[in-house]
Amino acid sequence: MTASVVTAEPATPVQEVAALMRERNVGSVVLVRDGEPVGIVTDRDLAIGVLADGRHGDDHASDHASAPVVTGDAAMDVTAAAELMVRHGIRRLPIVGGGTSAAGGRLTGIVTLDDIAARTGDAALVAQLASRITRAALPDFYFHQRGG
């Protein structure tokens, strides 16, 4: 888990969120209200949901965030976190201190595929997780009916 999570308020303009991502060299910003995660904005959300749609940089980040947020508990081990990520098709898992839902606790960290790669050093495991997460996130792409 990475303890220093880049956060912003839900009403923060997306242009400021993008600048935060650039300055902190991260691919996501967790939106928090009173210390609890209420949304997550990724660099992909900004590219596809803001730029590609010709939206304005002063749109609220919450307008382009994934919500509700799937969170993990600070007490869970890396295997449980990875399985939760696969089950929900997500590459980033905000961690809360007092429960498994956004309402259950304050943000204490985040687990990403990069964290798992860096901490385990197991490239095969990370490749397998990335493949499973992508399949979970895009089931119609991988499991479509073919010709008949």
Protein backbone atom coordinates (compact mmCIF):
# COMPACT_ATOMS: atom_id res chain seq x y z
CA MET A 1 0.00 0.00 0.00
CA THR A 2 1.12 3.54 -0.71
CA ALA A 3 0.24 5.72 2.27
CA SER A 4 0.58 9.08 0.51
CA VAL A 5 -2.54 9.25 -1.61
CA VAL A 6 -3.13 12.22 -3.89
CA THR A 7 -6.57 13.58 -3.03
CA ALA A 8 -8.89 16.43 -3.96
CA GLU A 9 -12.34 17.67 -3.05
CA PRO A 10 -15.18 16.54 -5.36
CA ALA A 11 -15.78 20.13 -6.58
CA THR A 12 -12.15 20.58 -7.68
CA PRO A 13 -11.97 21.54 -11.38
CA VAL A 14 -10.71 18.71 -13.60
CA GLN A 15 -7.93 20.95 -14.89
CA GLU A 16 -6.56 21.19 -11.33
CA VAL A 17 -6.89 17.42 -10.92
CA ALA A 18 -4.90 16.90 -14.13
CA ALA A 19 -2.23 19.30 -12.87
CA LEU A 20 -2.05 17.36 -9.58
CA MET A 21 -1.53 14.13 -11.51
CA ARG A 22 1.29 15.70 -13.50
CA GLU A 23 2.96 17.29 -10.46
CA ARG A 24 2.76 14.17 -8.30
CA ASN A 25 3.40 11.73 -11.20
CA VAL A 26 0.31 9.62 -10.50
CA GLY A 27 -2.44 8.20 -12.67
CA SER A 28 -5.33 8.82 -10.29
CA VAL A 29 -6.68 11.18 -7.67
CA VAL A 30 -9.05 10.03 -4.95
CA LEU A 31 -11.89 12.45 -4.26
CA VAL A 32 -12.55 12.79 -0.55
CA ARG A 33 -15.19 14.39 1.61
CA ASP A 34 -14.41 14.61 5.35
CA GLY A 35 -11.50 12.19 4.85
CA GLU A 36 -13.63 9.49 3.24
CA PRO A 37 -13.27 8.47 -0.42
CA VAL A 38 -16.31 9.39 -2.51
CA GLY A 39 -14.88 9.01 -6.03
CA ILE A 40 -11.74 8.34 -8.02
CA VAL A 41 -10.59 10.10 -11.19
CA THR A 42 -7.99 8.49 -13.44
CA ASP A 43 -5.87 9.89 -16.23
CA ARG A 44 -7.99 7.79 -18.59
CA ASP A 45 -11.18 9.40 -17.24
CA LEU A 46 -9.71 12.80 -18.06
CA ALA A 47 -8.57 11.80 -21.54
CA ILE A 48 -11.78 10.06 -22.56
CA GLY A 49 -14.42 11.76 -20.45
CA VAL A 50 -13.15 15.32 -20.60
CA LEU A 51 -10.81 15.92 -23.54
CA ALA A 52 -12.37 13.56 -26.08
CA ASP A 53 -15.83 14.90 -25.29
CA GLY A 54 -14.68 18.52 -25.58
CA ARG A 55 -15.64 19.29 -21.97
CA HIS A 56 -14.34 22.25 -20.02
CA GLY A 57 -11.43 22.26 -17.59
CA ASP A 58 -13.62 23.86 -14.97
CA ASP A 59 -16.00 20.87 -14.78
CA HIS A 60 -16.09 19.40 -11.27
CA ALA A 61 -13.92 16.32 -10.82
CA SER A 62 -16.93 14.49 -9.37
CA ASP A 63 -18.66 14.80 -12.77
CA HIS A 64 -16.01 12.50 -14.26
CA ALA A 65 -15.23 10.24 -11.31
CA SER A 66 -15.97 6.59 -10.76
CA ALA A 67 -18.34 6.31 -7.82
CA PRO A 68 -19.19 4.72 -5.52
CA VAL A 69 -15.61 3.80 -4.73
CA VAL A 70 -14.62 0.18 -4.19
CA THR A 71 -12.32 0.21 -1.17
CA GLY A 72 -10.24 -2.27 0.74
CA ASP A 73 -9.58 -2.53 4.45
CA ALA A 74 -6.19 -1.64 5.91
CA ALA A 75 -6.04 -5.06 7.59
CA MET A 76 -6.41 -7.09 4.37
CA ASP A 77 -3.42 -8.86 2.86
CA VAL A 78 -2.13 -8.36 -0.67
CA THR A 79 -3.89 -11.49 -1.97
CA ALA A 80 -7.27 -10.29 -0.72
CA ALA A 81 -6.64 -6.83 -2.18
CA ALA A 82 -5.67 -8.33 -5.55
CA GLU A 83 -8.77 -10.52 -5.61
CA LEU A 84 -10.98 -7.53 -4.81
CA MET A 85 -9.35 -5.62 -7.67
CA VAL A 86 -9.96 -8.52 -10.06
CA ARG A 87 -13.57 -9.01 -8.90
CA HIS A 88 -14.37 -5.35 -9.60
CA GLY A 89 -12.13 -4.88 -12.65
CA ILE A 90 -10.12 -2.05 -11.08
CA ARG A 91 -6.41 -1.22 -11.15
CA ARG A 92 -6.44 1.04 -8.09
CA LEU A 93 -7.87 0.19 -4.69
CA PRO A 94 -8.21 2.97 -2.11
CA ILE A 95 -7.68 1.63 1.40
CA VAL A 96 -9.72 2.78 4.38
CA GLY A 97 -8.94 2.27 8.03
CA GLY A 98 -12.27 1.24 9.46
CA GLY A 99 -14.30 -0.82 6.99
CA THR A 100 -14.64 -2.05 3.44
CA SER A 101 -16.96 0.60 2.06
CA ALA A 102 -16.46 4.28 1.35
CA ALA A 103 -18.72 5.12 4.28
CA GLY A 104 -16.84 2.74 6.58
CA GLY A 105 -13.66 4.65 7.17
CA ARG A 106 -11.14 7.33 6.42
CA LEU A 107 -8.72 7.01 3.53
CA THR A 108 -5.38 5.63 4.71
CA GLY A 109 -3.69 4.58 1.47
CA ILE A 110 -4.03 3.05 -1.97
CA VAL A 111 -2.95 -0.21 -3.60
CA THR A 112 -2.24 -0.20 -7.34
CA LEU A 113 -0.95 -2.79 -9.77
CA ASP A 114 2.36 -0.90 -9.70
CA ASP A 115 2.48 -1.30 -5.90
CA ILE A 116 1.95 -5.04 -6.22
CA ALA A 117 4.68 -5.25 -8.87
CA ALA A 118 7.14 -3.24 -6.80
CA ARG A 119 6.44 -5.04 -3.51
CA THR A 120 6.32 -8.60 -4.82
CA GLY A 121 8.84 -8.36 -7.66
CA ASP A 122 6.74 -11.02 -9.40
CA ALA A 123 6.28 -9.88 -13.03
CA ALA A 124 4.26 -12.99 -13.92
CA LEU A 125 1.82 -12.35 -11.06
CA VAL A 126 1.34 -8.72 -12.10
CA ALA A 127 0.81 -9.70 -15.75
CA GLN A 128 -1.77 -12.27 -14.68
CA LEU A 129 -3.54 -9.73 -12.45
CA ALA A 130 -3.56 -7.11 -15.20
CA SER A 131 -5.05 -9.62 -17.63
CA ARG A 132 -7.71 -10.75 -15.13
CA ILE A 133 -8.61 -7.15 -14.23
CA THR A 134 -8.92 -6.18 -17.89
CA ARG A 135 -11.13 -9.19 -18.57
CA ALA A 136 -13.32 -8.30 -15.59
CA ALA A 137 -13.58 -4.67 -16.68
CA LEU A 138 -14.32 -5.47 -20.35
CA PRO A 139 -16.21 -8.79 -20.40
CA ASP A 140 -18.06 -8.05 -23.64
CA PHE A 141 -14.76 -7.46 -25.42
CA TYR A 142 -13.34 -10.81 -24.35
CA PHE A 143 -16.49 -12.90 -24.18
CA HIS A 144 -18.57 -11.77 -27.14
CA GLN A 145 -20.53 -14.11 -29.35
CA ARG A 146 -18.62 -15.00 -32.48
CA GLY A 147 -20.39 -15.39 -35.80
CA GLY A 148 -23.23 -17.56 -35.12
